[in-house]
Amino acid sequence: MGNGVRGSTQLERTIQHILQAVLTVAILGTFAVLSDLRTVTAVTNVEVMALKDHLDTFRAMTGDRYTGAQAARDLATMSAINNDQEKRLRALERTGSDIRSSP
């Protein structure tokens, strides 16, 4: 062995085998975690799509409902009409009293 290359000792080979085993377990563990994440992501996507379908169904069911904003708008319109009628009635009552008091 005069070329300067020495053989590995038993301890070096054992450490190398241990490191290879640790790396193999780490890689396999990473693949297992990635597989689980992929499954969880797929399940979550299906649940989100189901929720979207339910929301669309809910919107379709409630789309023709009478809302609070519509009620407020209609109340304001009816109040304006009522106030106008009240003014007209008061004006008629004043002119009617003038007519009745004239001989």
PDB file of N, CA and C in Angstrom:
ATOM      1  N   MET A   1       0.823  -1.170   0.000  1.00  0.00           N
ATOM      2  CA  MET A   1       0.000   0.000   0.000  1.00  0.00           C
ATOM      3  C   MET A   1       0.869   1.236   0.000  1.00  0.00           C
ATOM      4  N   GLY A   2       1.678   1.325  -0.950  1.00  0.00           N
ATOM      5  CA  GLY A   2       2.591   2.438  -1.022  1.00  0.00           C
ATOM      6  C   GLY A   2       2.024   3.617  -1.785  1.00  0.00           C
ATOM      7  N   ASN A   3       0.787   3.543  -2.320  1.00  0.00           N
ATOM      8  CA  ASN A   3       0.250   4.639  -3.122  1.00  0.00           C
ATOM      9  C   ASN A   3      -0.455   5.705  -2.280  1.00  0.00           C
ATOM     10  N   GLY A   4      -0.466   5.632  -0.996  1.00  0.00           N
ATOM     11  CA  GLY A   4      -1.020   6.652  -0.111  1.00  0.00           C
ATOM     12  C   GLY A   4      -2.506   6.480   0.168  1.00  0.00           C
ATOM     13  N   VAL A   5      -3.152   5.479  -0.392  1.00  0.00           N
ATOM     14  CA  VAL A   5      -4.576   5.256  -0.150  1.00  0.00           C
ATOM     15  C   VAL A   5      -4.690   4.185   0.904  1.00  0.00           C
ATOM     16  N   ARG A   6      -5.364   4.508   1.953  1.00  0.00           N
ATOM     17  CA  ARG A   6      -5.518   3.523   3.010  1.00  0.00           C
ATOM     18  C   ARG A   6      -6.937   3.013   3.007  1.00  0.00           C
ATOM     19  N   GLY A   7      -7.182   1.891   3.499  1.00  0.00           N
ATOM     20  CA  GLY A   7      -8.511   1.304   3.601  1.00  0.00           C
ATOM     21  C   GLY A   7      -9.260   1.905   4.783  1.00  0.00           C
ATOM     22  N   SER A   8     -10.588   1.826   4.742  1.00  0.00           N
ATOM     23  CA  SER A   8     -11.382   2.371   5.836  1.00  0.00           C
ATOM     24  C   SER A   8     -11.389   1.375   6.992  1.00  0.00           C
ATOM     25  N   THR A   9     -11.448   1.917   8.168  1.00  0.00           N
ATOM     26  CA  THR A   9     -11.460   1.060   9.349  1.00  0.00           C
ATOM     27  C   THR A   9     -12.874   0.582   9.623  1.00  0.00           C
ATOM     28  N   GLN A  10     -12.981  -0.364  10.480  1.00  0.00           N
ATOM     29  CA  GLN A  10     -14.298  -0.909  10.851  1.00  0.00           C
ATOM     30  C   GLN A  10     -15.181   0.190  11.442  1.00  0.00           C
ATOM     31  N   LEU A  11     -14.620   1.073  12.257  1.00  0.00           N
ATOM     32  CA  LEU A  11     -15.368   2.167  12.889  1.00  0.00           C
ATOM     33  C   LEU A  11     -15.909   3.114  11.824  1.00  0.00           C
ATOM     34  N   GLU A  12     -15.092   3.460  10.836  1.00  0.00           N
ATOM     35  CA  GLU A  12     -15.531   4.362   9.761  1.00  0.00           C
ATOM     36  C   GLU A  12     -16.676   3.733   8.961  1.00  0.00           C
ATOM     37  N   ARG A  13     -16.546   2.438   8.668  1.00  0.00           N
ATOM     38  CA  ARG A  13     -17.608   1.761   7.929  1.00  0.00           C
ATOM     39  C   ARG A  13     -18.895   1.715   8.748  1.00  0.00           C
ATOM     40  N   THR A  14     -18.797   1.496  10.035  1.00  0.00           N
ATOM     41  CA  THR A  14     -19.976   1.454  10.900  1.00  0.00           C
ATOM     42  C   THR A  14     -20.658   2.827  10.935  1.00  0.00           C
ATOM     43  N   ILE A  15     -19.873   3.895  11.091  1.00  0.00           N
ATOM     44  CA  ILE A  15     -20.423   5.253  11.116  1.00  0.00           C
ATOM     45  C   ILE A  15     -21.077   5.575   9.770  1.00  0.00           C
ATOM     46  N   GLN A  16     -20.427   5.152   8.681  1.00  0.00           N
ATOM     47  CA  GLN A  16     -20.988   5.387   7.355  1.00  0.00           C
ATOM     48  C   GLN A  16     -22.335   4.664   7.199  1.00  0.00           C
ATOM     49  N   HIS A  17     -22.416   3.436   7.669  1.00  0.00           N
ATOM     50  CA  HIS A  17     -23.665   2.669   7.586  1.00  0.00           C
ATOM     51  C   HIS A  17     -24.756   3.318   8.442  1.00  0.00           C
ATOM     52  N   ILE A  18     -24.388   3.813   9.623  1.00  0.00           N
ATOM     53  CA  ILE A  18     -25.355   4.476  10.505  1.00  0.00           C
ATOM     54  C   ILE A  18     -25.869   5.754   9.841  1.00  0.00           C
ATOM     55  N   LEU A  19     -24.963   6.550   9.264  1.00  0.00           N
ATOM     56  CA  LEU A  19     -25.368   7.780   8.588  1.00  0.00           C
ATOM     57  C   LEU A  19     -26.276   7.483   7.390  1.00  0.00           C
ATOM     58  N   GLN A  20     -25.947   6.435   6.639  1.00  0.00           N
ATOM     59  CA  GLN A  20     -26.789   6.053   5.509  1.00  0.00           C
ATOM     60  C   GLN A  20     -28.184   5.628   5.982  1.00  0.00           C
ATOM     61  N   ALA A  21     -28.224   4.902   7.092  1.00  0.00           N
ATOM     62  CA  ALA A  21     -29.514   4.463   7.632  1.00  0.00           C
ATOM     63  C   ALA A  21     -30.329   5.665   8.112  1.00  0.00           C
ATOM     64  N   VAL A  22     -29.670   6.609   8.794  1.00  0.00           N
ATOM     65  CA  VAL A  22     -30.357   7.810   9.286  1.00  0.00           C
ATOM     66  C   VAL A  22     -30.887   8.628   8.111  1.00  0.00           C
ATOM     67  N   LEU A  23     -30.062   8.822   7.081  1.00  0.00           N
ATOM     68  CA  LEU A  23     -30.499   9.573   5.908  1.00  0.00           C
ATOM     69  C   LEU A  23     -31.651   8.878   5.187  1.00  0.00           C
ATOM     70  N   THR A  24     -31.582   7.560   5.090  1.00  0.00           N
ATOM     71  CA  THR A  24     -32.657   6.801   4.446  1.00  0.00           C
ATOM     72  C   THR A  24     -33.960   6.958   5.220  1.00  0.00           C
ATOM     73  N   VAL A  25     -33.885   6.860   6.550  1.00  0.00           N
ATOM     74  CA  VAL A  25     -35.083   7.035   7.382  1.00  0.00           C
ATOM     75  C   VAL A  25     -35.619   8.458   7.250  1.00  0.00           C
ATOM     76  N   ALA A  26     -34.733   9.447   7.210  1.00  0.00           N
ATOM     77  CA  ALA A  26     -35.163  10.839   7.068  1.00  0.00           C
ATOM     78  C   ALA A  26     -35.855  11.062   5.727  1.00  0.00           C
ATOM     79  N   ILE A  27     -35.306  10.510   4.670  1.00  0.00           N
ATOM     80  CA  ILE A  27     -35.895  10.661   3.337  1.00  0.00           C
ATOM     81  C   ILE A  27     -37.256   9.974   3.284  1.00  0.00           C
ATOM     82  N   LEU A  28     -37.331   8.747   3.816  1.00  0.00           N
ATOM     83  CA  LEU A  28     -38.609   8.036   3.829  1.00  0.00           C
ATOM     84  C   LEU A  28     -39.649   8.766   4.687  1.00  0.00           C
ATOM     85  N   GLY A  29     -39.197   9.318   5.805  1.00  0.00           N
ATOM     86  CA  GLY A  29     -40.105  10.100   6.659  1.00  0.00           C
ATOM     87  C   GLY A  29     -40.622  11.336   5.940  1.00  0.00           C
ATOM     88  N   THR A  30     -39.746  11.988   5.187  1.00  0.00           N
ATOM     89  CA  THR A  30     -40.146  13.164   4.422  1.00  0.00           C
ATOM     90  C   THR A  30     -41.187  12.787   3.378  1.00  0.00           C
ATOM     91  N   PHE A  31     -40.970  11.660   2.697  1.00  0.00           N
ATOM     92  CA  PHE A  31     -41.947  11.199   1.711  1.00  0.00           C
ATOM     93  C   PHE A  31     -43.290  10.891   2.369  1.00  0.00           C
ATOM     94  N   ALA A  32     -43.259  10.304   3.553  1.00  0.00           N
ATOM     95  CA  ALA A  32     -44.501   9.988   4.263  1.00  0.00           C
ATOM     96  C   ALA A  32     -45.242  11.266   4.641  1.00  0.00           C
ATOM     97  N   VAL A  33     -44.506  12.257   5.129  1.00  0.00           N
ATOM     98  CA  VAL A  33     -45.126  13.539   5.499  1.00  0.00           C
ATOM     99  C   VAL A  33     -45.699  14.221   4.264  1.00  0.00           C
ATOM    100  N   LEU A  34     -44.964  14.226   3.175  1.00  0.00           N
ATOM    101  CA  LEU A  34     -45.452  14.837   1.941  1.00  0.00           C
ATOM    102  C   LEU A  34     -46.696  14.129   1.427  1.00  0.00           C
ATOM    103  N   SER A  35     -46.716  12.821   1.540  1.00  0.00           N
ATOM    104  CA  SER A  35     -47.891  12.063   1.123  1.00  0.00           C
ATOM    105  C   SER A  35     -49.101  12.424   1.984  1.00  0.00           C
ATOM    106  N   ASP A  36     -48.899  12.540   3.291  1.00  0.00           N
ATOM    107  CA  ASP A  36     -49.986  12.934   4.190  1.00  0.00           C
ATOM    108  C   ASP A  36     -50.477  14.342   3.863  1.00  0.00           C
ATOM    109  N   LEU A  37     -49.544  15.252   3.610  1.00  0.00           N
ATOM    110  CA  LEU A  37     -49.926  16.621   3.261  1.00  0.00           C
ATOM    111  C   LEU A  37     -50.717  16.659   1.957  1.00  0.00           C
ATOM    112  N   ARG A  38     -50.329  15.833   1.028  1.00  0.00           N
ATOM    113  CA  ARG A  38     -51.045  15.767  -0.241  1.00  0.00           C
ATOM    114  C   ARG A  38     -52.473  15.276  -0.023  1.00  0.00           C
ATOM    115  N   THR A  39     -52.628  14.286   0.827  1.00  0.00           N
ATOM    116  CA  THR A  39     -53.955  13.760   1.135  1.00  0.00           C
ATOM    117  C   THR A  39     -54.802  14.816   1.843  1.00  0.00           C
ATOM    118  N   VAL A  40     -54.214  15.476   2.826  1.00  0.00           N
ATOM    119  CA  VAL A  40     -54.937  16.516   3.560  1.00  0.00           C
ATOM    120  C   VAL A  40     -55.336  17.653   2.623  1.00  0.00           C
ATOM    121  N   THR A  41     -54.464  18.040   1.732  1.00  0.00           N
ATOM    122  CA  THR A  41     -54.768  19.100   0.775  1.00  0.00           C
ATOM    123  C   THR A  41     -55.919  18.692  -0.140  1.00  0.00           C
ATOM    124  N   ALA A  42     -55.909  17.458  -0.597  1.00  0.00           N
ATOM    125  CA  ALA A  42     -56.993  16.979  -1.464  1.00  0.00           C
ATOM    126  C   ALA A  42     -58.322  16.978  -0.718  1.00  0.00           C
ATOM    127  N   VAL A  43     -58.321  16.520   0.515  1.00  0.00           N
ATOM    128  CA  VAL A  43     -59.551  16.507   1.318  1.00  0.00           C
ATOM    129  C   VAL A  43     -60.036  17.936   1.562  1.00  0.00           C
ATOM    130  N   THR A  44     -59.129  18.833   1.875  1.00  0.00           N
ATOM    131  CA  THR A  44     -59.492  20.233   2.111  1.00  0.00           C
ATOM    132  C   THR A  44     -60.082  20.853   0.855  1.00  0.00           C
ATOM    133  N   ASN A  45     -59.515  20.566  -0.302  1.00  0.00           N
ATOM    134  CA  ASN A  45     -60.044  21.101  -1.553  1.00  0.00           C
ATOM    135  C   ASN A  45     -61.466  20.610  -1.799  1.00  0.00           C
ATOM    136  N   VAL A  46     -61.719  19.341  -1.520  1.00  0.00           N
ATOM    137  CA  VAL A  46     -63.065  18.794  -1.700  1.00  0.00           C
ATOM    138  C   VAL A  46     -64.041  19.468  -0.738  1.00  0.00           C
ATOM    139  N   GLU A  47     -63.623  19.678   0.506  1.00  0.00           N
ATOM    140  CA  GLU A  47     -64.492  20.335   1.483  1.00  0.00           C
ATOM    141  C   GLU A  47     -64.782  21.773   1.091  1.00  0.00           C
ATOM    142  N   VAL A  48     -63.778  22.482   0.588  1.00  0.00           N
ATOM    143  CA  VAL A  48     -63.978  23.867   0.152  1.00  0.00           C
ATOM    144  C   VAL A  48     -64.959  23.912  -1.020  1.00  0.00           C
ATOM    145  N   MET A  49     -64.833  22.998  -1.951  1.00  0.00           N
ATOM    146  CA  MET A  49     -65.754  22.960  -3.088  1.00  0.00           C
ATOM    147  C   MET A  49     -67.179  22.653  -2.615  1.00  0.00           C
ATOM    148  N   ALA A  50     -67.317  21.759  -1.641  1.00  0.00           N
ATOM    149  CA  ALA A  50     -68.643  21.455  -1.096  1.00  0.00           C
ATOM    150  C   ALA A  50     -69.238  22.685  -0.415  1.00  0.00           C
ATOM    151  N   LEU A  51     -68.414  23.416   0.338  1.00  0.00           N
ATOM    152  CA  LEU A  51     -68.890  24.639   0.982  1.00  0.00           C
ATOM    153  C   LEU A  51     -69.306  25.682  -0.046  1.00  0.00           C
ATOM    154  N   LYS A  52     -68.558  25.787  -1.138  1.00  0.00           N
ATOM    155  CA  LYS A  52     -68.936  26.719  -2.206  1.00  0.00           C
ATOM    156  C   LYS A  52     -70.275  26.333  -2.808  1.00  0.00           C
ATOM    157  N   ASP A  53     -70.488  25.048  -3.018  1.00  0.00           N
ATOM    158  CA  ASP A  53     -71.773  24.587  -3.551  1.00  0.00           C
ATOM    159  C   ASP A  53     -72.912  24.923  -2.593  1.00  0.00           C
ATOM    160  N   HIS A  54     -72.690  24.698  -1.295  1.00  0.00           N
ATOM    161  CA  HIS A  54     -73.718  25.024  -0.305  1.00  0.00           C
ATOM    162  C   HIS A  54     -73.991  26.526  -0.280  1.00  0.00           C
ATOM    163  N   LEU A  55     -72.946  27.322  -0.379  1.00  0.00           N
ATOM    164  CA  LEU A  55     -73.112  28.772  -0.382  1.00  0.00           C
ATOM    165  C   LEU A  55     -73.878  29.229  -1.619  1.00  0.00           C
ATOM    166  N   ASP A  56     -73.574  28.653  -2.773  1.00  0.00           N
ATOM    167  CA  ASP A  56     -74.306  28.997  -3.996  1.00  0.00           C
ATOM    168  C   ASP A  56     -75.779  28.615  -3.865  1.00  0.00           C
ATOM    169  N   THR A  57     -76.040  27.453  -3.278  1.00  0.00           N
ATOM    170  CA  THR A  57     -77.421  27.022  -3.062  1.00  0.00           C
ATOM    171  C   THR A  57     -78.135  27.982  -2.116  1.00  0.00           C
ATOM    172  N   PHE A  58     -77.451  28.370  -1.049  1.00  0.00           N
ATOM    173  CA  PHE A  58     -78.027  29.312  -0.089  1.00  0.00           C
ATOM    174  C   PHE A  58     -78.321  30.644  -0.749  1.00  0.00           C
ATOM    175  N   ARG A  59     -77.394  31.132  -1.563  1.00  0.00           N
ATOM    176  CA  ARG A  59     -77.615  32.405  -2.259  1.00  0.00           C
ATOM    177  C   ARG A  59     -78.794  32.306  -3.216  1.00  0.00           C
ATOM    178  N   ALA A  60     -78.915  31.185  -3.889  1.00  0.00           N
ATOM    179  CA  ALA A  60     -80.035  31.001  -4.808  1.00  0.00           C
ATOM    180  C   ALA A  60     -81.361  30.978  -4.044  1.00  0.00           C
ATOM    181  N   MET A  61     -81.353  30.372  -2.861  1.00  0.00           N
ATOM    182  CA  MET A  61     -82.577  30.299  -2.067  1.00  0.00           C
ATOM    183  C   MET A  61     -82.968  31.658  -1.502  1.00  0.00           C
ATOM    184  N   THR A  62     -81.997  32.473  -1.131  1.00  0.00           N
ATOM    185  CA  THR A  62     -82.295  33.750  -0.480  1.00  0.00           C
ATOM    186  C   THR A  62     -82.212  34.937  -1.432  1.00  0.00           C
ATOM    187  N   GLY A  63     -81.955  34.680  -2.681  1.00  0.00           N
ATOM    188  CA  GLY A  63     -81.804  35.775  -3.639  1.00  0.00           C
ATOM    189  C   GLY A  63     -83.065  36.574  -3.865  1.00  0.00           C
ATOM    190  N   ASP A  64     -84.234  35.957  -3.665  1.00  0.00           N
ATOM    191  CA  ASP A  64     -85.486  36.665  -3.915  1.00  0.00           C
ATOM    192  C   ASP A  64     -86.152  37.125  -2.619  1.00  0.00           C
ATOM    193  N   ARG A  65     -85.441  37.168  -1.552  1.00  0.00           N
ATOM    194  CA  ARG A  65     -85.987  37.589  -0.263  1.00  0.00           C
ATOM    195  C   ARG A  65     -86.055  39.117  -0.177  1.00  0.00           C
ATOM    196  N   TYR A  66     -86.974  39.589   0.635  1.00  0.00           N
ATOM    197  CA  TYR A  66     -87.150  41.014   0.896  1.00  0.00           C
ATOM    198  C   TYR A  66     -86.147  41.418   1.963  1.00  0.00           C
ATOM    199  N   THR A  67     -85.189  42.237   1.608  1.00  0.00           N
ATOM    200  CA  THR A  67     -84.091  42.569   2.517  1.00  0.00           C
ATOM    201  C   THR A  67     -84.424  43.787   3.369  1.00  0.00           C
ATOM    202  N   GLY A  68     -83.637  43.988   4.391  1.00  0.00           N
ATOM    203  CA  GLY A  68     -83.804  45.155   5.248  1.00  0.00           C
ATOM    204  C   GLY A  68     -83.581  46.455   4.492  1.00  0.00           C
ATOM    205  N   ALA A  69     -82.629  46.455   3.574  1.00  0.00           N
ATOM    206  CA  ALA A  69     -82.368  47.660   2.777  1.00  0.00           C
ATOM    207  C   ALA A  69     -83.570  47.989   1.894  1.00  0.00           C
ATOM    208  N   GLN A  70     -84.179  46.961   1.318  1.00  0.00           N
ATOM    209  CA  GLN A  70     -85.372  47.199   0.506  1.00  0.00           C
ATOM    210  C   GLN A  70     -86.515  47.721   1.368  1.00  0.00           C
ATOM    211  N   ALA A  71     -86.670  47.180   2.564  1.00  0.00           N
ATOM    212  CA  ALA A  71     -87.724  47.638   3.475  1.00  0.00           C
ATOM    213  C   ALA A  71     -87.500  49.094   3.868  1.00  0.00           C
ATOM    214  N   ALA A  72     -86.251  49.467   4.159  1.00  0.00           N
ATOM    215  CA  ALA A  72     -85.953  50.855   4.526  1.00  0.00           C
ATOM    216  C   ALA A  72     -86.254  51.800   3.368  1.00  0.00           C
ATOM    217  N   ARG A  73     -85.898  51.389   2.156  1.00  0.00           N
ATOM    218  CA  ARG A  73     -86.182  52.216   0.978  1.00  0.00           C
ATOM    219  C   ARG A  73     -87.688  52.385   0.788  1.00  0.00           C
ATOM    220  N   ASP A  74     -88.422  51.282   0.916  1.00  0.00           N
ATOM    221  CA  ASP A  74     -89.871  51.355   0.749  1.00  0.00           C
ATOM    222  C   ASP A  74     -90.524  52.179   1.849  1.00  0.00           C
ATOM    223  N   LEU A  75     -90.041  52.072   3.076  1.00  0.00           N
ATOM    224  CA  LEU A  75     -90.567  52.864   4.183  1.00  0.00           C
ATOM    225  C   LEU A  75     -90.338  54.353   3.940  1.00  0.00           C
ATOM    226  N   ALA A  76     -89.148  54.701   3.442  1.00  0.00           N
ATOM    227  CA  ALA A  76     -88.867  56.103   3.144  1.00  0.00           C
ATOM    228  C   ALA A  76     -89.799  56.622   2.051  1.00  0.00           C
ATOM    229  N   THR A  77     -90.038  55.803   1.035  1.00  0.00           N
ATOM    230  CA  THR A  77     -90.954  56.206  -0.036  1.00  0.00           C
ATOM    231  C   THR A  77     -92.362  56.400   0.503  1.00  0.00           C
ATOM    232  N   MET A  78     -92.830  55.451   1.312  1.00  0.00           N
ATOM    233  CA  MET A  78     -94.178  55.554   1.858  1.00  0.00           C
ATOM    234  C   MET A  78     -94.297  56.739   2.829  1.00  0.00           C
ATOM    235  N   SER A  79     -93.254  57.006   3.579  1.00  0.00           N
ATOM    236  CA  SER A  79     -93.268  58.164   4.490  1.00  0.00           C
ATOM    237  C   SER A  79     -93.343  59.458   3.698  1.00  0.00           C
ATOM    238  N   ALA A  80     -92.620  59.541   2.598  1.00  0.00           N
ATOM    239  CA  ALA A  80     -92.656  60.738   1.752  1.00  0.00           C
ATOM    240  C   ALA A  80     -94.052  60.922   1.159  1.00  0.00           C
ATOM    241  N   ILE A  81     -94.671  59.840   0.711  1.00  0.00           N
ATOM    242  CA  ILE A  81     -96.035  59.917   0.162  1.00  0.00           C
ATOM    243  C   ILE A  81     -97.010  60.334   1.254  1.00  0.00           C
ATOM    244  N   ASN A  82     -96.849  59.743   2.434  1.00  0.00           N
ATOM    245  CA  ASN A  82     -97.728  60.071   3.556  1.00  0.00           C
ATOM    246  C   ASN A  82     -97.590  61.548   3.931  1.00  0.00           C
ATOM    247  N   ASN A  83     -96.355  62.041   3.989  1.00  0.00           N
ATOM    248  CA  ASN A  83     -96.139  63.452   4.321  1.00  0.00           C
ATOM    249  C   ASN A  83     -96.768  64.360   3.276  1.00  0.00           C
ATOM    250  N   ASP A  84     -96.641  63.996   2.007  1.00  0.00           N
ATOM    251  CA  ASP A  84     -97.243  64.785   0.940  1.00  0.00           C
ATOM    252  C   ASP A  84     -98.767  64.792   1.073  1.00  0.00           C
ATOM    253  N   GLN A  85     -99.350  63.635   1.352  1.00  0.00           N
ATOM    254  CA  GLN A  85    -100.799  63.558   1.529  1.00  0.00           C
ATOM    255  C   GLN A  85    -101.246  64.381   2.734  1.00  0.00           C
ATOM    256  N   GLU A  86    -100.446  64.328   3.789  1.00  0.00           N
ATOM    257  CA  GLU A  86    -100.768  65.104   4.995  1.00  0.00           C
ATOM    258  C   GLU A  86    -100.773  66.606   4.678  1.00  0.00           C
ATOM    259  N   LYS A  87     -99.785  67.070   3.919  1.00  0.00           N
ATOM    260  CA  LYS A  87     -99.724  68.488   3.532  1.00  0.00           C
ATOM    261  C   LYS A  87    -100.924  68.870   2.681  1.00  0.00           C
ATOM    262  N   ARG A  88    -101.283  68.012   1.751  1.00  0.00           N
ATOM    263  CA  ARG A  88    -102.418  68.305   0.879  1.00  0.00           C
ATOM    264  C   ARG A  88    -103.719  68.352   1.678  1.00  0.00           C
ATOM    265  N   LEU A  89    -103.847  67.413   2.640  1.00  0.00           N
ATOM    266  CA  LEU A  89    -105.039  67.391   3.471  1.00  0.00           C
ATOM    267  C   LEU A  89    -105.138  68.654   4.321  1.00  0.00           C
ATOM    268  N   ARG A  90    -104.033  69.060   4.905  1.00  0.00           N
ATOM    269  CA  ARG A  90    -104.029  70.283   5.719  1.00  0.00           C
ATOM    270  C   ARG A  90    -104.396  71.495   4.863  1.00  0.00           C
ATOM    271  N   ALA A  91    -103.872  71.543   3.637  1.00  0.00           N
ATOM    272  CA  ALA A  91    -104.195  72.659   2.743  1.00  0.00           C
ATOM    273  C   ALA A  91    -105.681  72.659   2.410  1.00  0.00           C
ATOM    274  N   LEU A  92    -106.255  71.489   2.155  1.00  0.00           N
ATOM    275  CA  LEU A  92    -107.684  71.405   1.863  1.00  0.00           C
ATOM    276  C   LEU A  92    -108.522  71.806   3.075  1.00  0.00           C
ATOM    277  N   GLU A  93    -108.077  71.383   4.262  1.00  0.00           N
ATOM    278  CA  GLU A  93    -108.814  71.747   5.470  1.00  0.00           C
ATOM    279  C   GLU A  93    -108.807  73.255   5.679  1.00  0.00           C
ATOM    280  N   ARG A  94    -107.676  73.902   5.393  1.00  0.00           N
ATOM    281  CA  ARG A  94    -107.612  75.369   5.553  1.00  0.00           C
ATOM    282  C   ARG A  94    -108.530  76.050   4.543  1.00  0.00           C
ATOM    283  N   THR A  95    -108.490  75.619   3.308  1.00  0.00           N
ATOM    284  CA  THR A  95    -109.359  76.251   2.312  1.00  0.00           C
ATOM    285  C   THR A  95    -110.812  75.890   2.555  1.00  0.00           C
ATOM    286  N   GLY A  96    -111.113  74.756   3.068  1.00  0.00           N
ATOM    287  CA  GLY A  96    -112.475  74.349   3.386  1.00  0.00           C
ATOM    288  C   GLY A  96    -113.026  75.172   4.520  1.00  0.00           C
ATOM    289  N   SER A  97    -112.197  75.475   5.513  1.00  0.00           N
ATOM    290  CA  SER A  97    -112.671  76.300   6.626  1.00  0.00           C
ATOM    291  C   SER A  97    -112.915  77.724   6.166  1.00  0.00           C
ATOM    292  N   ASP A  98    -112.122  78.185   5.194  1.00  0.00           N
ATOM    293  CA  ASP A  98    -112.338  79.510   4.635  1.00  0.00           C
ATOM    294  C   ASP A  98    -113.660  79.542   3.871  1.00  0.00           C
ATOM    295  N   ILE A  99    -113.956  78.493   3.175  1.00  0.00           N
ATOM    296  CA  ILE A  99    -115.199  78.426   2.379  1.00  0.00           C
ATOM    297  C   ILE A  99    -116.398  78.361   3.322  1.00  0.00           C
ATOM    298  N   ARG A 100    -116.291  77.571   4.379  1.00  0.00           N
ATOM    299  CA  ARG A 100    -117.403  77.434   5.315  1.00  0.00           C
ATOM    300  C   ARG A 100    -117.659  78.722   6.090  1.00  0.00           C
ATOM    301  N   SER A 101    -116.608  79.455   6.361  1.00  0.00           N
ATOM    302  CA  SER A 101    -116.805  80.688   7.139  1.00  0.00           C
ATOM    303  C   SER A 101    -117.292  81.835   6.262  1.00  0.00           C
ATOM    304  N   SER A 102    -117.208  81.718   4.938  1.00  0.00           N
ATOM    305  CA  SER A 102    -117.717  82.755   4.041  1.00  0.00           C
ATOM    306  C   SER A 102    -119.214  82.568   3.861  1.00  0.00           C
ATOM    307  N   PRO A 103    -120.011  83.693   3.919  1.00  0.00           N
ATOM    308  CA  PRO A 103    -121.463  83.555   3.759  1.00  0.00           C
ATOM    309  C   PRO A 103    -121.878  83.386   2.339  1.00  0.00           C
TER     310      PRO A 103
END
